[in-house]
């Protein structure tokens, strides 16, 4: 498996562990719709949370969270709309980013940005 895929999978596992440690209920991982994939769909209390995980082994080209582009936000919003329709969603939702920097893989730097963006605004 390619190194960048292994890095991404490690980051997603770390993100799930972080969310679970904060009391989130994980509903889905790697949920796909069309060209979009939502890394994690979770609930924090009654809030539905769509989480984009960005993992990098270096900050040379920028921080991990800087790689969530407006196009990625639109794709996530489209996927979220379908997911919410499928489950007949009637409560609050938000989009979070979990940024993971693996400069030292034994001590990853993990930052959770709650309510990180709202597509279209």
PDB file of N, CA and C in Angstrom:
ATOM      1  N   UNK A   1       0.839  -1.174   0.000  1.00  0.00           N
ATOM      2  CA  UNK A   1       0.000   0.000   0.000  1.00  0.00           C
ATOM      3  C   UNK A   1       0.888   1.242   0.000  1.00  0.00           C
ATOM      4  N   UNK A   2       0.481   2.259  -0.741  1.00  0.00           N
ATOM      5  CA  UNK A   2       1.256   3.490  -0.851  1.00  0.00           C
ATOM      6  C   UNK A   2       1.337   4.189   0.509  1.00  0.00           C
ATOM      7  N   UNK A   3       2.479   4.840   0.735  1.00  0.00           N
ATOM      8  CA  UNK A   3       2.719   5.496   2.026  1.00  0.00           C
ATOM      9  C   UNK A   3       1.653   6.542   2.346  1.00  0.00           C
ATOM     10  N   UNK A   4       1.210   7.332   1.357  1.00  0.00           N
ATOM     11  CA  UNK A   4       0.218   8.368   1.649  1.00  0.00           C
ATOM     12  C   UNK A   4      -1.125   7.757   2.051  1.00  0.00           C
ATOM     13  N   UNK A   5      -1.446   6.560   1.519  1.00  0.00           N
ATOM     14  CA  UNK A   5      -2.681   5.882   1.920  1.00  0.00           C
ATOM     15  C   UNK A   5      -2.574   5.365   3.353  1.00  0.00           C
ATOM     16  N   UNK A   6      -1.401   4.841   3.705  1.00  0.00           N
ATOM     17  CA  UNK A   6      -1.174   4.383   5.074  1.00  0.00           C
ATOM     18  C   UNK A   6      -1.251   5.552   6.049  1.00  0.00           C
ATOM     19  N   UNK A   7      -0.682   6.689   5.653  1.00  0.00           N
ATOM     20  CA  UNK A   7      -0.724   7.884   6.495  1.00  0.00           C
ATOM     21  C   UNK A   7      -2.174   8.318   6.719  1.00  0.00           C
ATOM     22  N   UNK A   8      -2.955   8.329   5.640  1.00  0.00           N
ATOM     23  CA  UNK A   8      -4.360   8.714   5.747  1.00  0.00           C
ATOM     24  C   UNK A   8      -5.154   7.778   6.631  1.00  0.00           C
ATOM     25  N   UNK A   9      -4.932   6.475   6.485  1.00  0.00           N
ATOM     26  CA  UNK A   9      -5.654   5.506   7.319  1.00  0.00           C
ATOM     27  C   UNK A   9      -5.277   5.647   8.787  1.00  0.00           C
ATOM     28  N   UNK A  10      -4.003   5.861   9.055  1.00  0.00           N
ATOM     29  CA  UNK A  10      -3.564   6.085  10.445  1.00  0.00           C
ATOM     30  C   UNK A  10      -4.246   7.330  11.013  1.00  0.00           C
ATOM     31  N   UNK A  11      -4.275   8.397  10.236  1.00  0.00           N
ATOM     32  CA  UNK A  11      -4.915   9.622  10.680  1.00  0.00           C
ATOM     33  C   UNK A  11      -6.386   9.422  10.997  1.00  0.00           C
ATOM     34  N   UNK A  12      -7.079   8.682  10.161  1.00  0.00           N
ATOM     35  CA  UNK A  12      -8.502   8.441  10.407  1.00  0.00           C
ATOM     36  C   UNK A  12      -8.718   7.606  11.660  1.00  0.00           C
ATOM     37  N   UNK A  13      -7.846   6.625  11.908  1.00  0.00           N
ATOM     38  CA  UNK A  13      -7.964   5.840  13.147  1.00  0.00           C
ATOM     39  C   UNK A  13      -7.732   6.733  14.375  1.00  0.00           C
ATOM     40  N   UNK A  14      -6.728   7.600  14.292  1.00  0.00           N
ATOM     41  CA  UNK A  14      -6.453   8.515  15.407  1.00  0.00           C
ATOM     42  C   UNK A  14      -7.620   9.470  15.627  1.00  0.00           C
ATOM     43  N   UNK A  15      -8.226   9.928  14.543  1.00  0.00           N
ATOM     44  CA  UNK A  15      -9.365  10.847  14.655  1.00  0.00           C
ATOM     45  C   UNK A  15     -10.559  10.164  15.314  1.00  0.00           C
ATOM     46  N   UNK A  16     -10.828   8.924  14.938  1.00  0.00           N
ATOM     47  CA  UNK A  16     -11.928   8.175  15.557  1.00  0.00           C
ATOM     48  C   UNK A  16     -11.660   8.019  17.055  1.00  0.00           C
ATOM     49  N   UNK A  17     -10.430   7.662  17.409  1.00  0.00           N
ATOM     50  CA  UNK A  17     -10.079   7.509  18.823  1.00  0.00           C
ATOM     51  C   UNK A  17     -10.278   8.816  19.581  1.00  0.00           C
ATOM     52  N   UNK A  18      -9.857   9.932  18.971  1.00  0.00           N
ATOM     53  CA  UNK A  18     -10.024  11.234  19.610  1.00  0.00           C
ATOM     54  C   UNK A  18     -11.499  11.537  19.847  1.00  0.00           C
ATOM     55  N   UNK A  19     -12.311  11.361  18.817  1.00  0.00           N
ATOM     56  CA  UNK A  19     -13.739  11.655  18.946  1.00  0.00           C
ATOM     57  C   UNK A  19     -14.401  10.758  19.989  1.00  0.00           C
ATOM     58  N   UNK A  20     -14.076   9.480  19.959  1.00  0.00           N
ATOM     59  CA  UNK A  20     -14.648   8.567  20.960  1.00  0.00           C
ATOM     60  C   UNK A  20     -14.237   8.967  22.367  1.00  0.00           C
ATOM     61  N   UNK A  21     -12.993   9.409  22.529  1.00  0.00           N
ATOM     62  CA  UNK A  21     -12.533   9.825  23.866  1.00  0.00           C
ATOM     63  C   UNK A  21     -13.271  11.069  24.347  1.00  0.00           C
ATOM     64  N   UNK A  22     -13.807  11.849  23.408  1.00  0.00           N
ATOM     65  CA  UNK A  22     -14.587  13.043  23.752  1.00  0.00           C
ATOM     66  C   UNK A  22     -16.074  12.731  23.888  1.00  0.00           C
ATOM     67  N   UNK A  23     -16.437  11.458  23.741  1.00  0.00           N
ATOM     68  CA  UNK A  23     -17.824  11.064  23.921  1.00  0.00           C
ATOM     69  C   UNK A  23     -18.687  11.091  22.668  1.00  0.00           C
ATOM     70  N   UNK A  24     -18.091  11.273  21.513  1.00  0.00           N
ATOM     71  CA  UNK A  24     -18.846  11.250  20.263  1.00  0.00           C
ATOM     72  C   UNK A  24     -19.270   9.824  19.943  1.00  0.00           C
ATOM     73  N   UNK A  25     -20.401   9.685  19.302  1.00  0.00           N
ATOM     74  CA  UNK A  25     -20.861   8.388  18.799  1.00  0.00           C
ATOM     75  C   UNK A  25     -20.521   8.349  17.304  1.00  0.00           C
ATOM     76  N   UNK A  26     -19.708   7.389  16.913  1.00  0.00           N
ATOM     77  CA  UNK A  26     -19.316   7.259  15.505  1.00  0.00           C
ATOM     78  C   UNK A  26     -20.436   6.520  14.769  1.00  0.00           C
ATOM     79  N   UNK A  27     -20.990   7.162  13.740  1.00  0.00           N
ATOM     80  CA  UNK A  27     -22.069   6.564  12.960  1.00  0.00           C
ATOM     81  C   UNK A  27     -21.548   5.898  11.692  1.00  0.00           C
ATOM     82  N   UNK A  28     -20.603   6.548  11.030  1.00  0.00           N
ATOM     83  CA  UNK A  28     -20.063   6.047   9.757  1.00  0.00           C
ATOM     84  C   UNK A  28     -18.607   6.471   9.637  1.00  0.00           C
ATOM     85  N   UNK A  29     -17.846   5.659   8.910  1.00  0.00           N
ATOM     86  CA  UNK A  29     -16.511   6.068   8.482  1.00  0.00           C
ATOM     87  C   UNK A  29     -16.422   5.817   6.988  1.00  0.00           C
ATOM     88  N   UNK A  30     -15.735   6.710   6.310  1.00  0.00           N
ATOM     89  CA  UNK A  30     -15.531   6.619   4.864  1.00  0.00           C
ATOM     90  C   UNK A  30     -16.840   6.449   4.098  1.00  0.00           C
ATOM     91  N   UNK A  31     -17.827   7.275   4.445  1.00  0.00           N
ATOM     92  CA  UNK A  31     -19.137   7.224   3.795  1.00  0.00           C
ATOM     93  C   UNK A  31     -19.039   7.947   2.462  1.00  0.00           C
ATOM     94  N   UNK A  32     -19.465   7.281   1.389  1.00  0.00           N
ATOM     95  CA  UNK A  32     -19.301   7.812   0.038  1.00  0.00           C
ATOM     96  C   UNK A  32     -20.625   8.170  -0.602  1.00  0.00           C
ATOM     97  N   UNK A  33     -20.584   9.274  -1.359  1.00  0.00           N
ATOM     98  CA  UNK A  33     -21.672   9.656  -2.242  1.00  0.00           C
ATOM     99  C   UNK A  33     -21.036  10.306  -3.465  1.00  0.00           C
ATOM    100  N   UNK A  34     -21.300   9.745  -4.624  1.00  0.00           N
ATOM    101  CA  UNK A  34     -20.775  10.279  -5.875  1.00  0.00           C
ATOM    102  C   UNK A  34     -19.262  10.427  -5.776  1.00  0.00           C
ATOM    103  N   UNK A  35     -18.761  11.645  -5.961  1.00  0.00           N
ATOM    104  CA  UNK A  35     -17.307  11.875  -5.916  1.00  0.00           C
ATOM    105  C   UNK A  35     -16.811  12.256  -4.525  1.00  0.00           C
ATOM    106  N   UNK A  36     -17.700  12.291  -3.566  1.00  0.00           N
ATOM    107  CA  UNK A  36     -17.332  12.744  -2.215  1.00  0.00           C
ATOM    108  C   UNK A  36     -17.220  11.575  -1.247  1.00  0.00           C
ATOM    109  N   UNK A  37     -16.301  11.720  -0.318  1.00  0.00           N
ATOM    110  CA  UNK A  37     -16.205  10.776   0.791  1.00  0.00           C
ATOM    111  C   UNK A  37     -16.139  11.586   2.078  1.00  0.00           C
ATOM    112  N   UNK A  38     -17.011  11.250   3.008  1.00  0.00           N
ATOM    113  CA  UNK A  38     -16.971  11.875   4.332  1.00  0.00           C
ATOM    114  C   UNK A  38     -16.178  10.922   5.217  1.00  0.00           C
ATOM    115  N   UNK A  39     -15.077  11.412   5.759  1.00  0.00           N
ATOM    116  CA  UNK A  39     -14.191  10.544   6.537  1.00  0.00           C
ATOM    117  C   UNK A  39     -14.900   9.969   7.754  1.00  0.00           C
ATOM    118  N   UNK A  40     -15.589  10.830   8.509  1.00  0.00           N
ATOM    119  CA  UNK A  40     -16.283  10.374   9.724  1.00  0.00           C
ATOM    120  C   UNK A  40     -17.605  11.126   9.835  1.00  0.00           C
ATOM    121  N   UNK A  41     -18.653  10.389  10.134  1.00  0.00           N
ATOM    122  CA  UNK A  41     -19.930  10.988  10.501  1.00  0.00           C
ATOM    123  C   UNK A  41     -20.200  10.547  11.930  1.00  0.00           C
ATOM    124  N   UNK A  42     -20.435  11.510  12.792  1.00  0.00           N
ATOM    125  CA  UNK A  42     -20.585  11.206  14.221  1.00  0.00           C
ATOM    126  C   UNK A  42     -21.685  12.069  14.812  1.00  0.00           C
ATOM    127  N   UNK A  43     -22.042  11.744  16.037  1.00  0.00           N
ATOM    128  CA  UNK A  43     -22.976  12.570  16.803  1.00  0.00           C
ATOM    129  C   UNK A  43     -22.283  13.010  18.079  1.00  0.00           C
ATOM    130  N   UNK A  44     -22.424  14.296  18.359  1.00  0.00           N
ATOM    131  CA  UNK A  44     -22.006  14.829  19.648  1.00  0.00           C
ATOM    132  C   UNK A  44     -23.297  15.279  20.310  1.00  0.00           C
ATOM    133  N   UNK A  45     -23.777  14.480  21.235  1.00  0.00           N
ATOM    134  CA  UNK A  45     -25.103  14.733  21.788  1.00  0.00           C
ATOM    135  C   UNK A  45     -26.116  14.596  20.670  1.00  0.00           C
ATOM    136  N   UNK A  46     -26.863  15.655  20.403  1.00  0.00           N
ATOM    137  CA  UNK A  46     -27.856  15.632  19.323  1.00  0.00           C
ATOM    138  C   UNK A  46     -27.356  16.313  18.055  1.00  0.00           C
ATOM    139  N   UNK A  47     -26.091  16.711  18.027  1.00  0.00           N
ATOM    140  CA  UNK A  47     -25.526  17.393  16.858  1.00  0.00           C
ATOM    141  C   UNK A  47     -24.898  16.361  15.924  1.00  0.00           C
ATOM    142  N   UNK A  48     -25.300  16.387  14.666  1.00  0.00           N
ATOM    143  CA  UNK A  48     -24.713  15.538  13.639  1.00  0.00           C
ATOM    144  C   UNK A  48     -23.452  16.233  13.135  1.00  0.00           C
ATOM    145  N   UNK A  49     -22.319  15.514  13.134  1.00  0.00           N
ATOM    146  CA  UNK A  49     -21.029  16.115  12.806  1.00  0.00           C
ATOM    147  C   UNK A  49     -20.390  15.370  11.631  1.00  0.00           C
ATOM    148  N   UNK A  50     -20.084  16.129  10.584  1.00  0.00           N
ATOM    149  CA  UNK A  50     -19.376  15.601   9.416  1.00  0.00           C
ATOM    150  C   UNK A  50     -17.926  16.030   9.563  1.00  0.00           C
ATOM    151  N   UNK A  51     -17.013  15.045   9.591  1.00  0.00           N
ATOM    152  CA  UNK A  51     -15.615  15.323   9.912  1.00  0.00           C
ATOM    153  C   UNK A  51     -14.717  15.004   8.724  1.00  0.00           C
ATOM    154  N   UNK A  52     -13.924  15.986   8.349  1.00  0.00           N
ATOM    155  CA  UNK A  52     -12.878  15.796   7.350  1.00  0.00           C
ATOM    156  C   UNK A  52     -11.564  15.658   8.090  1.00  0.00           C
ATOM    157  N   UNK A  53     -10.830  14.579   7.833  1.00  0.00           N
ATOM    158  CA  UNK A  53      -9.550  14.322   8.488  1.00  0.00           C
ATOM    159  C   UNK A  53      -8.435  14.594   7.474  1.00  0.00           C
ATOM    160  N   UNK A  54      -7.497  15.424   7.857  1.00  0.00           N
ATOM    161  CA  UNK A  54      -6.343  15.705   7.010  1.00  0.00           C
ATOM    162  C   UNK A  54      -5.094  15.340   7.794  1.00  0.00           C
ATOM    163  N   UNK A  55      -4.308  14.434   7.227  1.00  0.00           N
ATOM    164  CA  UNK A  55      -3.097  13.950   7.887  1.00  0.00           C
ATOM    165  C   UNK A  55      -1.907  14.208   6.978  1.00  0.00           C
ATOM    166  N   UNK A  56      -0.863  14.752   7.548  1.00  0.00           N
ATOM    167  CA  UNK A  56       0.368  15.014   6.803  1.00  0.00           C
ATOM    168  C   UNK A  56       1.557  14.571   7.647  1.00  0.00           C
ATOM    169  N   UNK A  57       2.619  14.184   6.960  1.00  0.00           N
ATOM    170  CA  UNK A  57       3.842  13.783   7.666  1.00  0.00           C
ATOM    171  C   UNK A  57       4.824  14.948   7.763  1.00  0.00           C
ATOM    172  N   UNK A  58       4.504  16.055   7.099  1.00  0.00           N
ATOM    173  CA  UNK A  58       5.339  17.247   7.157  1.00  0.00           C
ATOM    174  C   UNK A  58       4.453  18.479   7.015  1.00  0.00           C
ATOM    175  N   UNK A  59       4.942  19.588   7.555  1.00  0.00           N
ATOM    176  CA  UNK A  59       4.227  20.859   7.400  1.00  0.00           C
ATOM    177  C   UNK A  59       4.913  21.739   6.358  1.00  0.00           C
ATOM    178  N   UNK A  60       5.812  21.146   5.589  1.00  0.00           N
ATOM    179  CA  UNK A  60       6.595  21.910   4.612  1.00  0.00           C
ATOM    180  C   UNK A  60       5.713  22.699   3.645  1.00  0.00           C
ATOM    181  N   UNK A  61       4.613  22.093   3.200  1.00  0.00           N
ATOM    182  CA  UNK A  61       3.734  22.749   2.240  1.00  0.00           C
ATOM    183  C   UNK A  61       2.537  23.432   2.905  1.00  0.00           C
ATOM    184  N   UNK A  62       2.463  23.391   4.227  1.00  0.00           N
ATOM    185  CA  UNK A  62       1.373  24.014   4.953  1.00  0.00           C
ATOM    186  C   UNK A  62       0.792  23.067   5.981  1.00  0.00           C
ATOM    187  N   UNK A  63      -0.060  23.608   6.828  1.00  0.00           N
ATOM    188  CA  UNK A  63      -0.716  22.816   7.860  1.00  0.00           C
ATOM    189  C   UNK A  63      -1.785  21.921   7.232  1.00  0.00           C
ATOM    190  N   UNK A  64      -2.056  20.772   7.825  1.00  0.00           N
ATOM    191  CA  UNK A  64      -3.027  19.842   7.231  1.00  0.00           C
ATOM    192  C   UNK A  64      -4.387  20.471   6.940  1.00  0.00           C
ATOM    193  N   UNK A  65      -4.895  21.289   7.863  1.00  0.00           N
ATOM    194  CA  UNK A  65      -6.225  21.878   7.689  1.00  0.00           C
ATOM    195  C   UNK A  65      -6.301  22.816   6.488  1.00  0.00           C
ATOM    196  N   UNK A  66      -5.161  23.316   6.039  1.00  0.00           N
ATOM    197  CA  UNK A  66      -5.137  24.219   4.884  1.00  0.00           C
ATOM    198  C   UNK A  66      -5.451  23.497   3.572  1.00  0.00           C
ATOM    199  N   UNK A  67      -5.488  22.190   3.601  1.00  0.00           N
ATOM    200  CA  UNK A  67      -5.743  21.406   2.393  1.00  0.00           C
ATOM    201  C   UNK A  67      -7.221  21.085   2.193  1.00  0.00           C
ATOM    202  N   UNK A  68      -8.074  21.625   3.045  1.00  0.00           N
ATOM    203  CA  UNK A  68      -9.523  21.492   2.834  1.00  0.00           C
ATOM    204  C   UNK A  68      -9.928  22.675   1.954  1.00  0.00           C
ATOM    205  N   UNK A  69     -10.099  22.404   0.677  1.00  0.00           N
ATOM    206  CA  UNK A  69     -10.366  23.444  -0.315  1.00  0.00           C
ATOM    207  C   UNK A  69     -11.863  23.764  -0.389  1.00  0.00           C
ATOM    208  N   UNK A  70     -12.207  24.895  -0.973  1.00  0.00           N
ATOM    209  CA  UNK A  70     -13.629  25.188  -1.194  1.00  0.00           C
ATOM    210  C   UNK A  70     -14.329  24.100  -2.013  1.00  0.00           C
ATOM    211  N   UNK A  71     -13.637  23.501  -2.970  1.00  0.00           N
ATOM    212  CA  UNK A  71     -14.233  22.403  -3.745  1.00  0.00           C
ATOM    213  C   UNK A  71     -14.525  21.212  -2.838  1.00  0.00           C
ATOM    214  N   UNK A  72     -13.601  20.876  -1.937  1.00  0.00           N
ATOM    215  CA  UNK A  72     -13.813  19.776  -0.999  1.00  0.00           C
ATOM    216  C   UNK A  72     -14.984  20.096  -0.080  1.00  0.00           C
ATOM    217  N   UNK A  73     -15.099  21.347   0.361  1.00  0.00           N
ATOM    218  CA  UNK A  73     -16.217  21.750   1.213  1.00  0.00           C
ATOM    219  C   UNK A  73     -17.547  21.535   0.482  1.00  0.00           C
ATOM    220  N   UNK A  74     -17.601  21.898  -0.811  1.00  0.00           N
ATOM    221  CA  UNK A  74     -18.833  21.707  -1.589  1.00  0.00           C
ATOM    222  C   UNK A  74     -19.178  20.224  -1.723  1.00  0.00           C
ATOM    223  N   UNK A  75     -18.165  19.393  -1.997  1.00  0.00           N
ATOM    224  CA  UNK A  75     -18.410  17.954  -2.110  1.00  0.00           C
ATOM    225  C   UNK A  75     -18.927  17.390  -0.789  1.00  0.00           C
ATOM    226  N   UNK A  76     -18.333  17.821   0.320  1.00  0.00           N
ATOM    227  CA  UNK A  76     -18.789  17.364   1.635  1.00  0.00           C
ATOM    228  C   UNK A  76     -20.220  17.807   1.901  1.00  0.00           C
ATOM    229  N   UNK A  77     -20.539  19.039   1.525  1.00  0.00           N
ATOM    230  CA  UNK A  77     -21.894  19.542   1.729  1.00  0.00           C
ATOM    231  C   UNK A  77     -22.901  18.736   0.916  1.00  0.00           C
ATOM    232  N   UNK A  78     -22.550  18.406  -0.319  1.00  0.00           N
ATOM    233  CA  UNK A  78     -23.446  17.598  -1.159  1.00  0.00           C
ATOM    234  C   UNK A  78     -23.674  16.221  -0.533  1.00  0.00           C
ATOM    235  N   UNK A  79     -22.588  15.598  -0.086  1.00  0.00           N
ATOM    236  CA  UNK A  79     -22.706  14.284   0.536  1.00  0.00           C
ATOM    237  C   UNK A  79     -23.510  14.380   1.834  1.00  0.00           C
ATOM    238  N   UNK A  80     -23.269  15.415   2.618  1.00  0.00           N
ATOM    239  CA  UNK A  80     -23.992  15.596   3.878  1.00  0.00           C
ATOM    240  C   UNK A  80     -25.487  15.755   3.632  1.00  0.00           C
ATOM    241  N   UNK A  81     -25.842  16.503   2.596  1.00  0.00           N
ATOM    242  CA  UNK A  81     -27.263  16.701   2.285  1.00  0.00           C
ATOM    243  C   UNK A  81     -27.942  15.379   1.960  1.00  0.00           C
ATOM    244  N   UNK A  82     -27.279  14.523   1.204  1.00  0.00           N
ATOM    245  CA  UNK A  82     -27.840  13.215   0.864  1.00  0.00           C
ATOM    246  C   UNK A  82     -27.957  12.352   2.113  1.00  0.00           C
ATOM    247  N   UNK A  83     -26.910  12.356   2.938  1.00  0.00           N
ATOM    248  CA  UNK A  83     -26.932  11.562   4.165  1.00  0.00           C
ATOM    249  C   UNK A  83     -28.076  11.999   5.072  1.00  0.00           C
ATOM    250  N   UNK A  84     -28.225  13.307   5.236  1.00  0.00           N
ATOM    251  CA  UNK A  84     -29.282  13.818   6.112  1.00  0.00           C
ATOM    252  C   UNK A  84     -30.665  13.471   5.563  1.00  0.00           C
ATOM    253  N   UNK A  85     -30.820  13.508   4.255  1.00  0.00           N
ATOM    254  CA  UNK A  85     -32.099  13.120   3.650  1.00  0.00           C
ATOM    255  C   UNK A  85     -32.360  11.633   3.885  1.00  0.00           C
ATOM    256  N   UNK A  86     -31.318  10.809   3.718  1.00  0.00           N
ATOM    257  CA  UNK A  86     -31.457   9.358   3.906  1.00  0.00           C
ATOM    258  C   UNK A  86     -31.902   8.996   5.319  1.00  0.00           C
ATOM    259  N   UNK A  87     -31.395   9.728   6.310  1.00  0.00           N
ATOM    260  CA  UNK A  87     -31.739   9.386   7.698  1.00  0.00           C
ATOM    261  C   UNK A  87     -32.862  10.270   8.243  1.00  0.00           C
ATOM    262  N   UNK A  88     -33.442  11.071   7.370  1.00  0.00           N
ATOM    263  CA  UNK A  88     -34.518  11.996   7.764  1.00  0.00           C
ATOM    264  C   UNK A  88     -34.071  12.891   8.923  1.00  0.00           C
ATOM    265  N   UNK A  89     -32.948  13.511   8.711  1.00  0.00           N
ATOM    266  CA  UNK A  89     -32.292  14.387   9.693  1.00  0.00           C
ATOM    267  C   UNK A  89     -33.178  15.561  10.091  1.00  0.00           C
ATOM    268  N   UNK A  90     -33.301  15.798  11.387  1.00  0.00           N
ATOM    269  CA  UNK A  90     -34.106  16.939  11.859  1.00  0.00           C
ATOM    270  C   UNK A  90     -33.407  17.720  12.962  1.00  0.00           C
ATOM    271  N   UNK A  91     -32.124  17.511  13.155  1.00  0.00           N
ATOM    272  CA  UNK A  91     -31.437  18.234  14.227  1.00  0.00           C
ATOM    273  C   UNK A  91     -30.249  19.010  13.673  1.00  0.00           C
ATOM    274  N   UNK A  92     -29.558  19.692  14.559  1.00  0.00           N
ATOM    275  CA  UNK A  92     -28.418  20.537  14.195  1.00  0.00           C
ATOM    276  C   UNK A  92     -27.294  19.706  13.586  1.00  0.00           C
ATOM    277  N   UNK A  93     -26.502  20.337  12.707  1.00  0.00           N
ATOM    278  CA  UNK A  93     -25.330  19.671  12.135  1.00  0.00           C
ATOM    279  C   UNK A  93     -24.208  20.682  11.993  1.00  0.00           C
ATOM    280  N   UNK A  94     -22.993  20.146  11.815  1.00  0.00           N
ATOM    281  CA  UNK A  94     -21.844  21.016  11.583  1.00  0.00           C
ATOM    282  C   UNK A  94     -20.755  20.229  10.859  1.00  0.00           C
ATOM    283  N   UNK A  95     -19.764  20.976  10.372  1.00  0.00           N
ATOM    284  CA  UNK A  95     -18.609  20.392   9.697  1.00  0.00           C
ATOM    285  C   UNK A  95     -17.365  20.684  10.528  1.00  0.00           C
ATOM    286  N   UNK A  96     -16.633  19.637  10.881  1.00  0.00           N
ATOM    287  CA  UNK A  96     -15.394  19.765  11.638  1.00  0.00           C
ATOM    288  C   UNK A  96     -14.225  19.312  10.777  1.00  0.00           C
ATOM    289  N   UNK A  97     -13.040  19.753  11.158  1.00  0.00           N
ATOM    290  CA  UNK A  97     -11.796  19.264  10.564  1.00  0.00           C
ATOM    291  C   UNK A  97     -10.931  18.750  11.703  1.00  0.00           C
ATOM    292  N   UNK A  98     -10.340  17.583  11.501  1.00  0.00           N
ATOM    293  CA  UNK A  98      -9.307  17.100  12.419  1.00  0.00           C
ATOM    294  C   UNK A  98      -8.007  17.075  11.627  1.00  0.00           C
ATOM    295  N   UNK A  99      -7.051  17.882  12.068  1.00  0.00           N
ATOM    296  CA  UNK A  99      -5.754  18.000  11.409  1.00  0.00           C
ATOM    297  C   UNK A  99      -4.726  17.220  12.220  1.00  0.00           C
ATOM    298  N   UNK A 100      -4.004  16.361  11.522  1.00  0.00           N
ATOM    299  CA  UNK A 100      -3.019  15.516  12.203  1.00  0.00           C
ATOM    300  C   UNK A 100      -1.676  15.683  11.507  1.00  0.00           C
ATOM    301  N   UNK A 101      -0.672  16.017  12.288  1.00  0.00           N
ATOM    302  CA  UNK A 101       0.678  16.183  11.786  1.00  0.00           C
ATOM    303  C   UNK A 101       1.556  15.110  12.421  1.00  0.00           C
ATOM    304  N   UNK A 102       2.175  14.305  11.566  1.00  0.00           N
ATOM    305  CA  UNK A 102       2.964  13.158  12.034  1.00  0.00           C
ATOM    306  C   UNK A 102       4.467  13.427  11.905  1.00  0.00           C
ATOM    307  N   UNK A 103       4.938  14.537  12.426  1.00  0.00           N
ATOM    308  CA  UNK A 103       6.371  14.807  12.386  1.00  0.00           C
ATOM    309  C   UNK A 103       7.118  13.713  13.134  1.00  0.00           C
ATOM    310  N   UNK A 104       6.557  13.317  14.262  1.00  0.00           N
ATOM    311  CA  UNK A 104       7.043  12.179  15.039  1.00  0.00           C
ATOM    312  C   UNK A 104       5.840  11.254  15.198  1.00  0.00           C
ATOM    313  N   UNK A 105       5.764  10.167  14.416  1.00  0.00           N
ATOM    314  CA  UNK A 105       4.580   9.303  14.450  1.00  0.00           C
ATOM    315  C   UNK A 105       4.217   8.770  15.832  1.00  0.00           C
ATOM    316  N   UNK A 106       5.172   8.697  16.748  1.00  0.00           N
ATOM    317  CA  UNK A 106       4.855   8.212  18.094  1.00  0.00           C
ATOM    318  C   UNK A 106       4.199   9.307  18.945  1.00  0.00           C
ATOM    319  N   UNK A 107       4.244  10.560  18.472  1.00  0.00           N
ATOM    320  CA  UNK A 107       3.627  11.684  19.183  1.00  0.00           C
ATOM    321  C   UNK A 107       2.931  12.598  18.170  1.00  0.00           C
ATOM    322  N   UNK A 108       1.834  12.125  17.576  1.00  0.00           N
ATOM    323  CA  UNK A 108       1.157  12.949  16.561  1.00  0.00           C
ATOM    324  C   UNK A 108       0.579  14.226  17.168  1.00  0.00           C
ATOM    325  N   UNK A 109       0.608  15.287  16.375  1.00  0.00           N
ATOM    326  CA  UNK A 109      -0.013  16.547  16.779  1.00  0.00           C
ATOM    327  C   UNK A 109      -1.422  16.544  16.187  1.00  0.00           C
ATOM    328  N   UNK A 110      -2.439  16.539  17.045  1.00  0.00           N
ATOM    329  CA  UNK A 110      -3.823  16.444  16.592  1.00  0.00           C
ATOM    330  C   UNK A 110      -4.572  17.692  17.030  1.00  0.00           C
ATOM    331  N   UNK A 111      -5.207  18.357  16.065  1.00  0.00           N
ATOM    332  CA  UNK A 111      -6.004  19.541  16.350  1.00  0.00           C
ATOM    333  C   UNK A 111      -7.405  19.321  15.810  1.00  0.00           C
ATOM    334  N   UNK A 112      -8.399  19.539  16.662  1.00  0.00           N
ATOM    335  CA  UNK A 112      -9.804  19.361  16.279  1.00  0.00           C
ATOM    336  C   UNK A 112     -10.422  20.750  16.130  1.00  0.00           C
ATOM    337  N   UNK A 113     -10.808  21.083  14.909  1.00  0.00           N
ATOM    338  CA  UNK A 113     -11.464  22.357  14.621  1.00  0.00           C
ATOM    339  C   UNK A 113     -12.968  22.104  14.530  1.00  0.00           C
ATOM    340  N   UNK A 114     -13.685  22.467  15.580  1.00  0.00           N
ATOM    341  CA  UNK A 114     -15.138  22.304  15.579  1.00  0.00           C
ATOM    342  C   UNK A 114     -15.764  23.433  14.784  1.00  0.00           C
ATOM    343  N   UNK A 115     -16.817  23.092  14.052  1.00  0.00           N
ATOM    344  CA  UNK A 115     -17.537  24.078  13.254  1.00  0.00           C
ATOM    345  C   UNK A 115     -16.558  24.843  12.371  1.00  0.00           C
ATOM    346  N   UNK A 116     -15.702  24.087  11.689  1.00  0.00           N
ATOM    347  CA  UNK A 116     -14.577  24.648  10.930  1.00  0.00           C
ATOM    348  C   UNK A 116     -15.003  25.435   9.702  1.00  0.00           C
ATOM    349  N   UNK A 117     -16.102  25.032   9.087  1.00  0.00           N
ATOM    350  CA  UNK A 117     -16.563  25.741   7.891  1.00  0.00           C
ATOM    351  C   UNK A 117     -18.043  25.454   7.688  1.00  0.00           C
ATOM    352  N   UNK A 118     -18.652  26.305   6.894  1.00  0.00           N
ATOM    353  CA  UNK A 118     -20.019  26.055   6.448  1.00  0.00           C
ATOM    354  C   UNK A 118     -20.033  26.342   4.962  1.00  0.00           C
ATOM    355  N   UNK A 119     -20.155  25.298   4.151  1.00  0.00           N
ATOM    356  CA  UNK A 119     -20.061  25.480   2.697  1.00  0.00           C
ATOM    357  C   UNK A 119     -21.056  26.524   2.190  1.00  0.00           C
ATOM    358  N   UNK A 120     -20.574  27.341   1.284  1.00  0.00           N
ATOM    359  CA  UNK A 120     -21.427  28.351   0.678  1.00  0.00           C
ATOM    360  C   UNK A 120     -21.401  29.693   1.369  1.00  0.00           C
ATOM    361  N   UNK A 121     -20.713  29.756   2.516  1.00  0.00           N
ATOM    362  CA  UNK A 121     -20.635  31.025   3.234  1.00  0.00           C
ATOM    363  C   UNK A 121     -19.232  31.557   3.158  1.00  0.00           C
TER     364      UNK A 121
END
